[in-house]
Full PDB file with SEQRES, HELIX, SHEET, SSBOND, CRYST1, ORIGX, SCALE, CONECT and MASTER records, all heavy atoms in Angstrom:
SEQRES   1 A   35  VAL VAL LEU PRO PRO ALA ARG ALA LEU ALA GLU LEU ARG          
SEQRES   2 A   35  PRO GLY ASP VAL ALA LEU GLY ARG LEU ASP VAL LEU PRO          
SEQRES   3 A   35  THR LEU ASP GLY MET GLU ALA GLY SER                          
HELIX    1 AA1 PRO A    5  GLU A   11  1                                   7    
CRYST1    1.000    1.000    1.000  90.00  90.00  90.00 P 1           1          
ORIGX1      1.000000  0.000000  0.000000        0.00000                         
ORIGX2      0.000000  1.000000  0.000000        0.00000                         
ORIGX3      0.000000  0.000000  1.000000        0.00000                         
SCALE1      1.000000  0.000000  0.000000        0.00000                         
SCALE2      0.000000  1.000000  0.000000        0.00000                         
SCALE3      0.000000  0.000000  1.000000        0.00000                         
ATOM      1  N   VAL A   1      99.086  85.292 115.063  1.00  0.00           N  
ATOM      2  CA  VAL A   1      99.825  86.331 114.361  1.00  0.00           C  
ATOM      3  C   VAL A   1      99.544  86.168 112.869  1.00  0.00           C  
ATOM      4  O   VAL A   1      99.813  85.111 112.298  1.00  0.00           O  
ATOM      5  CB  VAL A   1     101.335  86.213 114.645  1.00  0.00           C  
ATOM      6  CG1 VAL A   1     102.104  87.300 113.894  1.00  0.00           C  
ATOM      7  CG2 VAL A   1     101.607  86.277 116.136  1.00  0.00           C  
ATOM      8  N   VAL A   2      98.990  87.192 112.226  1.00  0.00           N  
ATOM      9  CA  VAL A   2      98.608  87.079 110.820  1.00  0.00           C  
ATOM     10  C   VAL A   2      99.799  87.413 109.932  1.00  0.00           C  
ATOM     11  O   VAL A   2     100.389  88.496 110.032  1.00  0.00           O  
ATOM     12  CB  VAL A   2      97.419  88.011 110.494  1.00  0.00           C  
ATOM     13  CG1 VAL A   2      97.021  87.863 109.022  1.00  0.00           C  
ATOM     14  CG2 VAL A   2      96.234  87.688 111.397  1.00  0.00           C  
ATOM     15  N   LEU A   3     100.140  86.457 109.038  1.00  0.00           N  
ATOM     16  CA  LEU A   3     101.257  86.643 108.125  1.00  0.00           C  
ATOM     17  C   LEU A   3     100.809  86.341 106.703  1.00  0.00           C  
ATOM     18  O   LEU A   3     100.234  85.273 106.446  1.00  0.00           O  
ATOM     19  CB  LEU A   3     102.417  85.710 108.478  1.00  0.00           C  
ATOM     20  CG  LEU A   3     103.068  85.877 109.857  1.00  0.00           C  
ATOM     21  CD1 LEU A   3     104.128  84.803 110.050  1.00  0.00           C  
ATOM     22  CD2 LEU A   3     103.668  87.263 110.009  1.00  0.00           C  
ATOM     23  N   PRO A   4     101.065  87.236 105.740  1.00  0.00           N  
ATOM     24  CA  PRO A   4     100.849  86.892 104.330  1.00  0.00           C  
ATOM     25  C   PRO A   4     101.742  85.723 103.950  1.00  0.00           C  
ATOM     26  O   PRO A   4     102.764  85.477 104.601  1.00  0.00           O  
ATOM     27  CB  PRO A   4     101.222  88.170 103.584  1.00  0.00           C  
ATOM     28  CG  PRO A   4     101.194  89.254 104.620  1.00  0.00           C  
ATOM     29  CD  PRO A   4     101.569  88.608 105.913  1.00  0.00           C  
ATOM     30  N   PRO A   5     101.389  84.984 102.898  1.00  0.00           N  
ATOM     31  CA  PRO A   5     102.151  83.781 102.550  1.00  0.00           C  
ATOM     32  C   PRO A   5     103.656  83.990 102.420  1.00  0.00           C  
ATOM     33  O   PRO A   5     104.447  83.223 102.999  1.00  0.00           O  
ATOM     34  CB  PRO A   5     101.521  83.354 101.225  1.00  0.00           C  
ATOM     35  CG  PRO A   5     100.112  83.837 101.313  1.00  0.00           C  
ATOM     36  CD  PRO A   5     100.194  85.140 102.047  1.00  0.00           C  
ATOM     37  N   ALA A   6     104.090  85.014 101.677  1.00  0.00           N  
ATOM     38  CA  ALA A   6     105.533  85.212 101.469  1.00  0.00           C  
ATOM     39  C   ALA A   6     106.235  85.548 102.786  1.00  0.00           C  
ATOM     40  O   ALA A   6     107.351  85.084 103.048  1.00  0.00           O  
ATOM     41  CB  ALA A   6     105.758  86.313 100.444  1.00  0.00           C  
ATOM     42  N   ARG A   7     105.594  86.344 103.621  1.00  0.00           N  
ATOM     43  CA  ARG A   7     106.200  86.689 104.909  1.00  0.00           C  
ATOM     44  C   ARG A   7     106.262  85.470 105.824  1.00  0.00           C  
ATOM     45  O   ARG A   7     107.226  85.303 106.586  1.00  0.00           O  
ATOM     46  CB  ARG A   7     105.418  87.826 105.556  1.00  0.00           C  
ATOM     47  CG  ARG A   7     106.040  88.331 106.847  1.00  0.00           C  
ATOM     48  CD  ARG A   7     105.312  89.521 107.403  1.00  0.00           C  
ATOM     49  NE  ARG A   7     105.735  89.807 108.759  1.00  0.00           N  
ATOM     50  CZ  ARG A   7     105.129  90.673 109.574  1.00  0.00           C  
ATOM     51  NH1 ARG A   7     104.071  91.358 109.131  1.00  0.00           N  
ATOM     52  NH2 ARG A   7     105.566  90.871 110.800  1.00  0.00           N  
ATOM     53  N   ALA A   8     105.233  84.628 105.755  1.00  0.00           N  
ATOM     54  CA  ALA A   8     105.244  83.403 106.564  1.00  0.00           C  
ATOM     55  C   ALA A   8     106.454  82.545 106.203  1.00  0.00           C  
ATOM     56  O   ALA A   8     107.122  81.976 107.080  1.00  0.00           O  
ATOM     57  CB  ALA A   8     103.949  82.627 106.348  1.00  0.00           C  
ATOM     58  N   LEU A   9     106.763  82.450 104.916  1.00  0.00           N  
ATOM     59  CA  LEU A   9     107.929  81.677 104.482  1.00  0.00           C  
ATOM     60  C   LEU A   9     109.226  82.260 105.037  1.00  0.00           C  
ATOM     61  O   LEU A   9     110.156  81.531 105.376  1.00  0.00           O  
ATOM     62  CB  LEU A   9     107.993  81.648 102.958  1.00  0.00           C  
ATOM     63  CG  LEU A   9     107.186  80.566 102.250  1.00  0.00           C  
ATOM     64  CD1 LEU A   9     107.297  80.734 100.749  1.00  0.00           C  
ATOM     65  CD2 LEU A   9     107.682  79.182 102.661  1.00  0.00           C  
ATOM     66  N   ALA A  10     109.283  83.564 105.119  1.00  0.00           N  
ATOM     67  CA  ALA A  10     110.503  84.215 105.579  1.00  0.00           C  
ATOM     68  C   ALA A  10     110.680  84.118 107.093  1.00  0.00           C  
ATOM     69  O   ALA A  10     111.812  84.082 107.583  1.00  0.00           O  
ATOM     70  CB  ALA A  10     110.489  85.690 105.167  1.00  0.00           C  
ATOM     71  N   GLU A  11     109.568  84.034 107.842  1.00  0.00           N  
ATOM     72  CA  GLU A  11     109.667  84.181 109.294  1.00  0.00           C  
ATOM     73  C   GLU A  11     109.445  82.892 110.084  1.00  0.00           C  
ATOM     74  O   GLU A  11     109.957  82.770 111.205  1.00  0.00           O  
ATOM     75  CB  GLU A  11     108.668  85.243 109.772  1.00  0.00           C  
ATOM     76  CG  GLU A  11     108.951  86.626 109.215  1.00  0.00           C  
ATOM     77  CD  GLU A  11     108.084  87.700 109.849  1.00  0.00           C  
ATOM     78  OE1 GLU A  11     107.415  87.416 110.857  1.00  0.00           O  
ATOM     79  OE2 GLU A  11     108.078  88.826 109.312  1.00  0.00           O  
ATOM     80  N   LEU A  12     108.687  81.940 109.556  1.00  0.00           N  
ATOM     81  CA  LEU A  12     108.352  80.765 110.348  1.00  0.00           C  
ATOM     82  C   LEU A  12     109.455  79.724 110.280  1.00  0.00           C  
ATOM     83  O   LEU A  12     110.129  79.560 109.261  1.00  0.00           O  
ATOM     84  CB  LEU A  12     107.023  80.172 109.891  1.00  0.00           C  
ATOM     85  CG  LEU A  12     105.802  81.085 110.051  1.00  0.00           C  
ATOM     86  CD1 LEU A  12     104.526  80.356 109.628  1.00  0.00           C  
ATOM     87  CD2 LEU A  12     105.679  81.591 111.489  1.00  0.00           C  
ATOM     88  N   ARG A  13     109.627  79.017 111.390  1.00  0.00           N  
ATOM     89  CA  ARG A  13     110.680  78.025 111.533  1.00  0.00           C  
ATOM     90  C   ARG A  13     110.098  76.722 112.085  1.00  0.00           C  
ATOM     91  O   ARG A  13     108.993  76.703 112.623  1.00  0.00           O  
ATOM     92  CB  ARG A  13     111.765  78.538 112.496  1.00  0.00           C  
ATOM     93  CG  ARG A  13     112.439  79.831 112.054  1.00  0.00           C  
ATOM     94  CD  ARG A  13     113.356  79.584 110.865  1.00  0.00           C  
ATOM     95  NE  ARG A  13     114.079  80.785 110.459  1.00  0.00           N  
ATOM     96  CZ  ARG A  13     113.648  81.651 109.563  1.00  0.00           C  
ATOM     97  NH1 ARG A  13     112.473  81.454 108.970  1.00  0.00           N  
ATOM     98  NH2 ARG A  13     114.354  82.709 109.246  1.00  0.00           N  
ATOM     99  N   PRO A  14     110.830  75.606 111.988  1.00  0.00           N  
ATOM    100  CA  PRO A  14     110.373  74.371 112.626  1.00  0.00           C  
ATOM    101  C   PRO A  14     110.034  74.628 114.097  1.00  0.00           C  
ATOM    102  O   PRO A  14     110.770  75.322 114.811  1.00  0.00           O  
ATOM    103  CB  PRO A  14     111.577  73.429 112.480  1.00  0.00           C  
ATOM    104  CG  PRO A  14     112.254  73.907 111.232  1.00  0.00           C  
ATOM    105  CD  PRO A  14     112.105  75.401 111.247  1.00  0.00           C  
ATOM    106  N   GLY A  15     108.927  74.072 114.562  1.00  0.00           N  
ATOM    107  CA  GLY A  15     108.431  74.349 115.909  1.00  0.00           C  
ATOM    108  C   GLY A  15     107.279  75.326 115.904  1.00  0.00           C  
ATOM    109  O   GLY A  15     106.488  75.374 116.853  1.00  0.00           O  
ATOM    110  N   ASP A  16     107.172  76.131 114.827  1.00  0.00           N  
ATOM    111  CA  ASP A  16     106.028  77.028 114.679  1.00  0.00           C  
ATOM    112  C   ASP A  16     104.851  76.273 114.063  1.00  0.00           C  
ATOM    113  O   ASP A  16     105.012  75.218 113.457  1.00  0.00           O  
ATOM    114  CB  ASP A  16     106.389  78.221 113.788  1.00  0.00           C  
ATOM    115  CG  ASP A  16     107.452  79.114 114.394  1.00  0.00           C  
ATOM    116  OD1 ASP A  16     107.555  79.166 115.641  1.00  0.00           O  
ATOM    117  OD2 ASP A  16     108.203  79.750 113.626  1.00  0.00           O  
ATOM    118  N   VAL A  17     103.663  76.852 114.220  1.00  0.00           N  
ATOM    119  CA  VAL A  17     102.446  76.283 113.654  1.00  0.00           C  
ATOM    120  C   VAL A  17     101.832  77.305 112.712  1.00  0.00           C  
ATOM    121  O   VAL A  17     101.619  78.469 113.096  1.00  0.00           O  
ATOM    122  CB  VAL A  17     101.426  75.908 114.755  1.00  0.00           C  
ATOM    123  CG1 VAL A  17     100.146  75.347 114.125  1.00  0.00           C  
ATOM    124  CG2 VAL A  17     102.026  74.896 115.725  1.00  0.00           C  
ATOM    125  N   ALA A  18     101.581  76.890 111.473  1.00  0.00           N  
ATOM    126  CA  ALA A  18     100.961  77.773 110.477  1.00  0.00           C  
ATOM    127  C   ALA A  18      99.550  77.271 110.185  1.00  0.00           C  
ATOM    128  O   ALA A  18      99.365  76.108 109.821  1.00  0.00           O  
ATOM    129  CB  ALA A  18     101.788  77.782 109.192  1.00  0.00           C  
ATOM    130  N   LEU A  19      98.574  78.146 110.344  1.00  0.00           N  
ATOM    131  CA  LEU A  19      97.182  77.813 110.070  1.00  0.00           C  
ATOM    132  C   LEU A  19      96.761  78.474 108.764  1.00  0.00           C  
ATOM    133  O   LEU A  19      96.698  79.702 108.669  1.00  0.00           O  
ATOM    134  CB  LEU A  19      96.279  78.306 111.208  1.00  0.00           C  
ATOM    135  CG  LEU A  19      94.772  78.179 110.993  1.00  0.00           C  
ATOM    136  CD1 LEU A  19      94.357  76.716 110.870  1.00  0.00           C  
ATOM    137  CD2 LEU A  19      94.011  78.859 112.141  1.00  0.00           C  
ATOM    138  N   GLY A  20      96.498  77.671 107.731  1.00  0.00           N  
ATOM    139  CA  GLY A  20      96.081  78.223 106.450  1.00  0.00           C  
ATOM    140  C   GLY A  20      94.678  78.797 106.511  1.00  0.00           C  
ATOM    141  O   GLY A  20      93.730  78.096 106.877  1.00  0.00           O  
ATOM    142  N   ARG A  21      94.552  80.078 106.151  1.00  0.00           N  
ATOM    143  CA  ARG A  21      93.245  80.741 106.148  1.00  0.00           C  
ATOM    144  C   ARG A  21      93.055  81.536 104.855  1.00  0.00           C  
ATOM    145  O   ARG A  21      92.389  82.568 104.828  1.00  0.00           O  
ATOM    146  CB  ARG A  21      93.120  81.667 107.359  1.00  0.00           C  
ATOM    147  CG  ARG A  21      93.043  80.951 108.691  1.00  0.00           C  
ATOM    148  CD  ARG A  21      91.643  80.635 109.094  1.00  0.00           C  
ATOM    149  NE  ARG A  21      90.853  81.849 109.264  1.00  0.00           N  
ATOM    150  CZ  ARG A  21      89.544  81.865 109.488  1.00  0.00           C  
ATOM    151  NH1 ARG A  21      88.867  80.727 109.531  1.00  0.00           N  
ATOM    152  NH2 ARG A  21      88.897  82.999 109.634  1.00  0.00           N  
ATOM    153  N   LEU A  22      93.644  81.064 103.757  1.00  0.00           N  
ATOM    154  CA  LEU A  22      93.412  81.705 102.473  1.00  0.00           C  
ATOM    155  C   LEU A  22      91.954  81.493 102.086  1.00  0.00           C  
ATOM    156  O   LEU A  22      91.392  80.411 102.270  1.00  0.00           O  
ATOM    157  CB  LEU A  22      94.336  81.117 101.416  1.00  0.00           C  
ATOM    158  CG  LEU A  22      95.827  81.300 101.698  1.00  0.00           C  
ATOM    159  CD1 LEU A  22      96.658  80.444 100.771  1.00  0.00           C  
ATOM    160  CD2 LEU A  22      96.218  82.768 101.585  1.00  0.00           C  
ATOM    161  N   ASP A  23      91.328  82.520 101.533  1.00  0.00           N  
ATOM    162  CA  ASP A  23      89.887  82.497 101.296  1.00  0.00           C  
ATOM    163  C   ASP A  23      89.592  82.431  99.798  1.00  0.00           C  
ATOM    164  O   ASP A  23      90.502  82.402  98.957  1.00  0.00           O  
ATOM    165  CB  ASP A  23      89.245  83.751 101.907  1.00  0.00           C  
ATOM    166  CG  ASP A  23      87.790  83.538 102.303  1.00  0.00           C  
ATOM    167  OD1 ASP A  23      87.177  82.569 101.821  1.00  0.00           O  
ATOM    168  OD2 ASP A  23      87.270  84.356 103.086  1.00  0.00           O  
ATOM    169  N   VAL A  24      88.318  82.452  99.478  1.00  0.00           N  
ATOM    170  CA  VAL A  24      87.870  82.520  98.095  1.00  0.00           C  
ATOM    171  C   VAL A  24      88.121  83.935  97.560  1.00  0.00           C  
ATOM    172  O   VAL A  24      87.994  84.924  98.294  1.00  0.00           O  
ATOM    173  CB  VAL A  24      86.368  82.171  98.013  1.00  0.00           C  
ATOM    174  CG1 VAL A  24      85.802  82.456  96.636  1.00  0.00           C  
ATOM    175  CG2 VAL A  24      86.160  80.709  98.387  1.00  0.00           C  
ATOM    176  N   LEU A  25      88.473  84.046  96.286  1.00  0.00           N  
ATOM    177  CA  LEU A  25      88.664  85.358  95.669  1.00  0.00           C  
ATOM    178  C   LEU A  25      87.348  86.126  95.600  1.00  0.00           C  
ATOM    179  O   LEU A  25      86.276  85.524  95.431  1.00  0.00           O  
ATOM    180  CB  LEU A  25      89.206  85.197  94.250  1.00  0.00           C  
ATOM    181  CG  LEU A  25      90.655  84.738  94.115  1.00  0.00           C  
ATOM    182  CD1 LEU A  25      90.929  84.294  92.686  1.00  0.00           C  
ATOM    183  CD2 LEU A  25      91.599  85.859  94.531  1.00  0.00           C  
ATOM    184  N   PRO A  26      87.379  87.450  95.722  1.00  0.00           N  
ATOM    185  CA  PRO A  26      86.152  88.240  95.578  1.00  0.00           C  
ATOM    186  C   PRO A  26      85.458  88.033  94.239  1.00  0.00           C  
ATOM    187  O   PRO A  26      84.248  88.186  94.126  1.00  0.00           O  
ATOM    188  CB  PRO A  26      86.640  89.685  95.728  1.00  0.00           C  
ATOM    189  CG  PRO A  26      87.913  89.579  96.502  1.00  0.00           C  
ATOM    190  CD  PRO A  26      88.537  88.293  96.071  1.00  0.00           C  
ATOM    191  N   THR A  27      86.220  87.652  93.213  1.00  0.00           N  
ATOM    192  CA  THR A  27      85.649  87.393  91.892  1.00  0.00           C  
ATOM    193  C   THR A  27      85.030  86.002  91.790  1.00  0.00           C  
ATOM    194  O   THR A  27      84.454  85.650  90.748  1.00  0.00           O  
ATOM    195  CB  THR A  27      86.743  87.529  90.823  1.00  0.00           C  
ATOM    196  OG1 THR A  27      87.900  86.781  91.244  1.00  0.00           O  
ATOM    197  CG2 THR A  27      87.123  88.985  90.618  1.00  0.00           C  
ATOM    198  N   LEU A  28      85.175  85.191  92.839  1.00  0.00           N  
ATOM    199  CA  LEU A  28      84.558  83.861  92.925  1.00  0.00           C  
ATOM    200  C   LEU A  28      85.057  82.883  91.871  1.00  0.00           C  
ATOM    201  O   LEU A  28      84.367  81.915  91.551  1.00  0.00           O  
ATOM    202  CB  LEU A  28      83.020  83.963  92.839  1.00  0.00           C  
ATOM    203  CG  LEU A  28      82.326  84.954  93.781  1.00  0.00           C  
ATOM    204  CD1 LEU A  28      80.817  84.899  93.579  1.00  0.00           C  
ATOM    205  CD2 LEU A  28      82.691  84.689  95.231  1.00  0.00           C  
ATOM    206  N   ASP A  29      86.255  83.097  91.350  1.00  0.00           N  
ATOM    207  CA  ASP A  29      86.784  82.206  90.321  1.00  0.00           C  
ATOM    208  C   ASP A  29      88.002  81.427  90.804  1.00  0.00           C  
ATOM    209  O   ASP A  29      88.845  81.011  90.014  1.00  0.00           O  
ATOM    210  CB  ASP A  29      87.115  82.966  89.036  1.00  0.00           C  
ATOM    211  CG  ASP A  29      88.045  84.146  89.272  1.00  0.00           C  
ATOM    212  OD1 ASP A  29      88.375  84.436  90.436  1.00  0.00           O  
ATOM    213  OD2 ASP A  29      88.439  84.796  88.283  1.00  0.00           O  
ATOM    214  N   GLY A  30      88.105  81.219  92.093  1.00  0.00           N  
ATOM    215  CA  GLY A  30      89.189  80.430  92.632  1.00  0.00           C  
ATOM    216  C   GLY A  30      89.544  80.860  94.040  1.00  0.00           C  
ATOM    217  O   GLY A  30      88.838  81.659  94.670  1.00  0.00           O  
ATOM    218  N   MET A  31      90.660  80.347  94.526  1.00  0.00           N  
ATOM    219  CA  MET A  31      91.144  80.641  95.866  1.00  0.00           C  
ATOM    220  C   MET A  31      92.229  81.702  95.796  1.00  0.00           C  
ATOM    221  O   MET A  31      92.929  81.828  94.792  1.00  0.00           O  
ATOM    222  CB  MET A  31      91.687  79.357  96.504  1.00  0.00           C  
ATOM    223  CG  MET A  31      92.032  79.470  97.978  1.00  0.00           C  
ATOM    224  SD  MET A  31      92.390  77.835  98.721  1.00  0.00           S  
ATOM    225  CE  MET A  31      93.962  77.447  97.952  1.00  0.00           C  
ATOM    226  N   GLU A  32      92.366  82.474  96.853  1.00  0.00           N  
ATOM    227  CA  GLU A  32      93.413  83.487  96.915  1.00  0.00           C  
ATOM    228  C   GLU A  32      94.784  82.864  96.670  1.00  0.00           C  
ATOM    229  O   GLU A  32      95.035  81.716  97.026  1.00  0.00           O  
ATOM    230  CB  GLU A  32      93.400  84.168  98.287  1.00  0.00           C  
ATOM    231  CG  GLU A  32      92.187  85.034  98.536  1.00  0.00           C  
ATOM    232  CD  GLU A  32      92.168  85.604  99.940  1.00  0.00           C  
ATOM    233  OE1 GLU A  32      92.654  84.917 100.867  1.00  0.00           O  
ATOM    234  OE2 GLU A  32      91.651  86.716 100.115  1.00  0.00           O  
ATOM    235  N   ALA A  33      95.665  83.644  96.077  1.00  0.00           N  
ATOM    236  CA  ALA A  33      97.016  83.166  95.787  1.00  0.00           C  
ATOM    237  C   ALA A  33      97.798  82.953  97.079  1.00  0.00           C  
ATOM    238  O   ALA A  33      97.542  83.607  98.096  1.00  0.00           O  
ATOM    239  CB  ALA A  33      97.744  84.171  94.896  1.00  0.00           C  
ATOM    240  N   GLY A  34      98.755  82.046  97.029  1.00  0.00           N  
ATOM    241  CA  GLY A  34      99.639  81.839  98.169  1.00  0.00           C  
ATOM    242  C   GLY A  34      99.601  80.445  98.745  1.00  0.00           C  
ATOM    243  O   GLY A  34     100.355  80.144  99.676  1.00  0.00           O  
ATOM    244  N   SER A  35      98.771  79.574  98.192  1.00  0.00           N  
ATOM    245  CA  SER A  35      98.681  78.228  98.758  1.00  0.00           C  
ATOM    246  C   SER A  35      99.998  77.468  98.597  1.00  0.00           C  
ATOM    247  O   SER A  35     100.291  76.552  99.373  1.00  0.00           O  
ATOM    248  CB  SER A  35      97.529  77.452  98.117  1.00  0.00           C  
ATOM    249  OG  SER A  35      97.705  77.350  96.722  1.00  0.00           O  
TER     250      SER A  35                                                      
MASTER        0    0    0    1    0    0    0    6  249    1    0    3          
END                                                                             
């Protein structure tokens, strides 16, 4: 189930598993926000 970072914080609970898949920014100057 794909969740943006802020939504993941609101919906996930102990017992759930969150897989980080934040990527590189299209501008190539860092990682997407939300880590």
